[in-house]
Protein backbone atom coordinates (compact mmCIF):
# COMPACT_ATOMS: atom_id res chain seq x y z
CA MET A 1 38.10 -27.48 34.15
CA ARG A 2 39.62 -24.06 33.44
CA ALA A 3 38.23 -20.74 34.61
CA GLU A 4 39.01 -17.34 33.16
CA THR A 5 37.79 -13.90 34.07
CA GLY A 6 37.15 -11.00 31.75
CA GLY A 7 35.45 -7.70 32.49
CA ALA A 8 32.31 -8.03 34.57
CA SER A 9 31.70 -11.61 33.48
CA ARG A 10 33.30 -14.91 34.31
CA VAL A 11 33.56 -17.79 31.88
CA THR A 12 34.22 -21.41 32.76
CA LEU A 13 34.88 -24.06 30.14
CA VAL A 14 33.50 -27.46 31.09
CA SER A 15 34.60 -30.75 29.43
CA ARG A 16 36.85 -31.27 26.42
CA ARG A 17 34.75 -33.60 24.25
CA VAL A 18 35.29 -33.12 20.51
CA ARG A 19 32.10 -32.01 18.81
CA ALA A 20 30.83 -34.30 16.10
CA ALA A 21 30.27 -33.01 12.58
CA PRO A 22 26.72 -31.60 12.32
CA PRO A 23 24.15 -33.62 10.40
CA ALA A 24 22.71 -32.29 7.18
CA LEU A 25 19.52 -30.37 7.86
CA THR A 26 16.81 -28.73 5.80
CA CYS A 27 14.58 -25.81 6.69
CA GLY A 28 11.37 -26.63 4.89
CA ASP A 29 10.58 -24.21 2.10
CA ALA A 30 12.51 -21.29 3.58
CA THR A 31 14.88 -19.35 1.37
CA ILE A 32 18.20 -19.58 3.25
CA ASP A 33 19.97 -16.86 1.28
CA SER A 34 17.45 -14.21 2.31
CA PRO A 35 18.48 -11.83 5.09
CA VAL A 36 18.08 -13.44 8.51
CA VAL A 37 19.01 -10.56 10.79
CA HIS A 38 18.38 -6.85 10.75
CA GLU A 39 22.02 -5.85 10.78
CA ARG A 40 22.01 -2.08 11.37
CA GLY A 41 25.64 -1.56 10.28
CA GLU A 42 27.02 -4.90 11.51
CA PRO A 43 29.41 -7.00 9.35
CA ASP A 44 27.92 -8.88 6.41
CA GLY A 45 27.55 -12.67 6.43
CA ALA A 46 31.03 -13.40 5.08
CA ALA A 47 32.74 -11.20 7.68
CA VAL A 48 31.14 -12.77 10.77
CA THR A 49 33.36 -15.42 12.35
CA ARG A 50 31.85 -15.64 15.86
CA LEU A 51 28.07 -15.42 16.09
CA GLY A 52 25.89 -15.81 19.16
CA LEU A 53 22.26 -16.94 19.11
CA PHE A 54 20.18 -15.72 22.05
CA GLY A 55 16.63 -16.83 21.37
CA GLY A 56 13.50 -15.97 23.26
CA THR A 57 9.91 -14.83 23.26
CA PHE A 58 10.93 -11.29 24.34
CA ASP A 59 7.42 -10.43 25.49
CA PRO A 60 8.61 -7.77 26.25
CA PRO A 61 12.41 -7.48 25.98
CA HIS A 62 13.80 -5.95 29.18
CA VAL A 63 17.04 -4.80 30.76
CA GLY A 64 17.81 -8.33 32.00
CA HIS A 65 17.97 -9.53 28.39
CA LEU A 66 20.26 -6.66 27.43
CA VAL A 67 22.61 -7.09 30.39
CA THR A 68 22.97 -10.78 29.54
CA ALA A 69 23.52 -10.10 25.84
CA VAL A 70 26.19 -7.41 26.18
CA ASN A 71 28.12 -9.35 28.81
CA VAL A 72 28.09 -12.61 26.84
CA ARG A 73 29.16 -10.80 23.67
CA HIS A 74 32.07 -9.17 25.54
CA THR A 75 33.20 -12.34 27.29
CA LEU A 76 33.15 -14.50 24.15
CA ALA A 77 34.41 -11.74 21.82
CA LEU A 78 31.48 -12.30 19.45
CA ASP A 79 31.24 -10.33 16.22
CA VAL A 80 27.46 -10.36 16.47
CA LEU A 81 24.94 -11.55 19.02
CA VAL A 82 21.46 -12.09 17.58
CA LEU A 83 18.43 -11.71 19.83
CA MET A 84 16.28 -14.13 17.85
CA VAL A 85 12.55 -13.55 18.20
CA ALA A 86 10.58 -16.82 18.35
CA ASN A 87 7.70 -16.98 15.90
CA VAL A 88 5.64 -19.52 17.85
CA PRO A 89 7.36 -20.41 21.15
CA TRP A 90 6.23 -24.01 21.44
CA GLN A 91 7.07 -24.23 25.16
CA LYS A 92 4.56 -21.47 25.98
CA VAL A 93 1.73 -22.20 23.56
CA GLY A 94 -1.50 -22.58 25.53
CA SER A 95 -0.04 -21.26 28.78
CA ARG A 96 -0.93 -17.62 28.09
CA PRO A 97 -1.66 -15.26 25.19
CA ILE A 98 1.51 -14.48 23.22
CA THR A 99 2.00 -11.02 21.71
CA ALA A 100 2.14 -11.05 17.90
CA ALA A 101 5.61 -11.90 16.57
CA ALA A 102 5.78 -8.70 14.51
CA ASP A 103 5.20 -6.62 17.64
CA ARG A 104 7.83 -8.53 19.63
CA LEU A 105 10.31 -8.09 16.78
CA ALA A 106 9.63 -4.34 16.71
CA MET A 107 10.35 -4.15 20.44
CA VAL A 108 13.63 -6.05 20.12
CA GLU A 109 14.69 -3.88 17.18
CA ALA A 110 14.05 -0.82 19.33
CA ALA A 111 15.92 -2.32 22.27
CA VAL A 112 19.13 -3.05 20.32
CA ALA A 113 19.09 -0.22 17.78
CA ASP A 114 21.91 1.69 19.48
CA VAL A 115 23.77 -1.24 21.08
CA PRO A 116 26.96 -2.21 19.19
CA GLY A 117 27.13 -5.86 18.19
CA LEU A 118 23.53 -6.71 19.10
CA VAL A 119 20.97 -7.28 16.36
CA ALA A 120 17.32 -8.32 16.21
CA GLY A 121 16.71 -11.63 14.47
CA ALA A 122 13.66 -12.22 12.27
CA LEU A 123 14.66 -15.61 10.87
CA GLU A 124 12.28 -17.69 12.98
CA ILE A 125 9.42 -15.41 11.95
CA GLU A 126 10.43 -15.84 8.31
CA LEU A 127 10.54 -19.62 8.70
CA GLY A 128 7.02 -19.59 10.16
CA GLY A 129 5.34 -22.14 12.41
CA GLU A 130 6.82 -23.31 15.69
CA SER A 131 10.37 -22.17 16.36
CA PHE A 132 13.06 -24.79 16.91
CA THR A 133 16.69 -23.90 17.61
CA ALA A 134 17.97 -26.76 15.42
CA ASP A 135 16.32 -25.20 12.35
CA THR A 136 17.54 -21.73 13.29
CA LEU A 137 21.15 -22.86 13.62
CA ALA A 138 20.99 -24.66 10.26
CA ALA A 139 19.83 -21.48 8.56
CA LEU A 140 22.40 -19.32 10.34
CA ALA A 141 25.17 -21.71 9.31
CA ALA A 142 24.08 -21.35 5.68
CA ARG A 143 23.97 -17.56 5.96
CA HIS A 144 27.31 -17.33 7.81
CA PRO A 145 29.33 -20.30 6.54
CA ARG A 146 32.59 -19.19 8.16
CA ALA A 147 31.13 -18.40 11.56
CA GLU A 148 31.50 -20.39 14.76
CA LEU A 149 28.04 -20.49 16.34
CA PHE A 150 27.22 -20.13 20.03
CA THR A 151 23.80 -20.91 21.49
CA ILE A 152 23.14 -18.87 24.64
CA VAL A 153 20.60 -20.11 27.18
CA GLY A 154 19.66 -19.46 30.78
CA ASP A 155 20.39 -22.00 33.47
CA ASP A 156 16.82 -23.36 33.60
CA ALA A 157 16.70 -23.87 29.84
CA ALA A 158 20.14 -25.49 29.88
CA ALA A 159 19.05 -27.95 32.55
CA GLY A 160 16.15 -28.99 30.28
CA LEU A 161 18.23 -29.29 27.10
CA THR A 162 17.32 -32.95 26.55
CA THR A 163 13.65 -31.98 26.21
CA TRP A 164 14.38 -29.75 23.21
CA GLU A 165 13.34 -30.81 19.71
CA ARG A 166 16.44 -32.44 18.11
CA SER A 167 18.70 -31.28 20.93
CA GLU A 168 21.57 -33.38 19.60
CA GLU A 169 21.60 -31.27 16.43
CA VAL A 170 21.75 -28.08 18.50
CA VAL A 171 24.80 -29.42 20.35
CA ALA A 172 26.44 -30.58 17.12
CA ARG A 173 26.01 -27.25 15.36
CA SER A 174 27.02 -24.83 18.11
CA SER A 175 28.96 -24.25 21.29
CA MET A 176 26.51 -24.33 24.19
CA VAL A 177 26.69 -21.32 26.50
CA VAL A 178 24.82 -21.27 29.81
CA VAL A 179 24.33 -18.03 31.71
CA ASP A 180 24.57 -18.95 35.39
CA ARG A 181 22.96 -17.26 38.36
CA PRO A 182 25.87 -15.87 40.43
CA GLY A 183 26.87 -18.39 43.08
CA GLU A 184 24.20 -20.91 42.05
CA PRO A 185 25.44 -23.03 39.11
CA VAL A 186 22.96 -25.66 37.94
CA GLN A 187 23.75 -29.29 37.19
CA LEU A 188 24.07 -29.84 33.44
CA ALA A 189 24.40 -32.83 31.13
CA SER A 190 27.98 -34.07 31.40
CA ASP A 191 28.25 -35.09 27.73
CA VAL A 192 27.95 -31.49 26.45
CA ASP A 193 30.87 -29.04 26.15
CA TRP A 194 29.23 -26.32 28.23
CA ILE A 195 30.66 -22.83 28.44
CA ARG A 196 29.45 -21.27 31.69
CA ILE A 197 29.29 -17.48 31.90
CA GLU A 198 28.36 -15.67 35.08
CA VAL A 199 26.84 -12.24 34.48
CA PRO A 200 24.97 -9.79 36.70
CA ARG A 201 21.53 -11.33 37.08
CA LEU A 202 18.68 -8.88 37.34
CA GLU A 203 15.48 -10.32 38.76
CA VAL A 204 13.20 -8.97 36.03
CA SER A 205 10.15 -11.00 35.07
CA SER A 206 8.34 -10.53 31.77
CA THR A 207 5.17 -11.73 33.51
CA ASP A 208 5.54 -8.99 36.12
CA LEU A 209 6.28 -6.41 33.42
CA ARG A 210 3.10 -7.27 31.51
CA ALA A 211 1.12 -6.89 34.74
CA ARG A 212 2.80 -3.54 35.42
CA PHE A 213 1.75 -2.28 32.00
CA SER A 214 -1.79 -3.31 32.79
CA ASP A 215 -2.13 -1.80 36.27
CA GLY A 216 0.06 1.26 35.85
CA ARG A 217 2.88 0.43 38.26
CA PRO A 218 6.30 2.05 37.55
CA LEU A 219 8.44 0.60 34.76
CA ASP A 220 11.40 2.91 35.24
CA TYR A 221 14.77 1.21 34.58
CA LEU A 222 13.11 -2.15 33.82
CA VAL A 223 12.34 -1.52 30.14
CA THR A 224 14.24 0.93 27.94
CA ASP A 225 12.56 4.06 26.63
CA PRO A 226 12.64 2.96 22.95
CA VAL A 227 10.83 -0.27 23.89
CA LEU A 228 8.28 1.68 25.93
CA GLN A 229 7.64 3.89 22.91
CA VAL A 230 6.88 0.86 20.70
CA ILE A 231 4.55 -0.54 23.36
CA GLU A 232 2.66 2.73 23.65
CA GLU A 233 2.46 3.29 19.88
CA ARG A 234 1.11 -0.22 19.28
CA GLY A 235 -1.15 -0.32 22.34
CA LEU A 236 0.41 -3.51 23.71
CA TYR A 237 -0.26 -5.14 27.09
CA ARG A 238 -3.44 -3.30 27.82
CA GLY A 239 -5.34 -5.48 30.23
CA ALA A 240 -2.48 -8.03 30.19
CA ALA A 241 -1.67 -10.22 33.17
């Protein structure tokens, strides 16, 4: 094990297993050569050599997401980090109402519009149906053939990696990055080349934020002003819990 520090984040490389060549994948009827991210001045597909995938429901996107994204991008020296908006987040279907994907994408676009190196990803919305990381990585690899891919997950999601759809393909296609809670690293599968990154963890809950929108409690410093503007313009989270 080797630990390095850089800026406000700490990265630890775990294991030295050589990653197997990724299996051939298809993405249904999706057109892979169509744009997959809203790039807002970022390098084109051929220029990107280190690309991070940070997927989520983003319902709504908040400062905790942004703090994680900017710190991971800095620590790993990524050209681009994509906040990929899930079309249908299969883990949450049936547990609560999910805000329309187009609205969640608009919020993420607003959140990252002025943040260098962060872009909003629409690929999973374009693919349609339930969103699976294995499909997303396959499409990103086709769009950015020279790029090394990094899949960024929280510690809880990382601990449940084996429950993901085709998790072995996710591991084969990308370097797995887990964002650890400071001082509380979780136990992870030993056969995966995990990159652990410790970043400032803000205890911000999307569930709590939706409730705050509904009952009028303060949202100062929890959600950025551009995201708040999208929420107000589109009338989101009224009566939400």
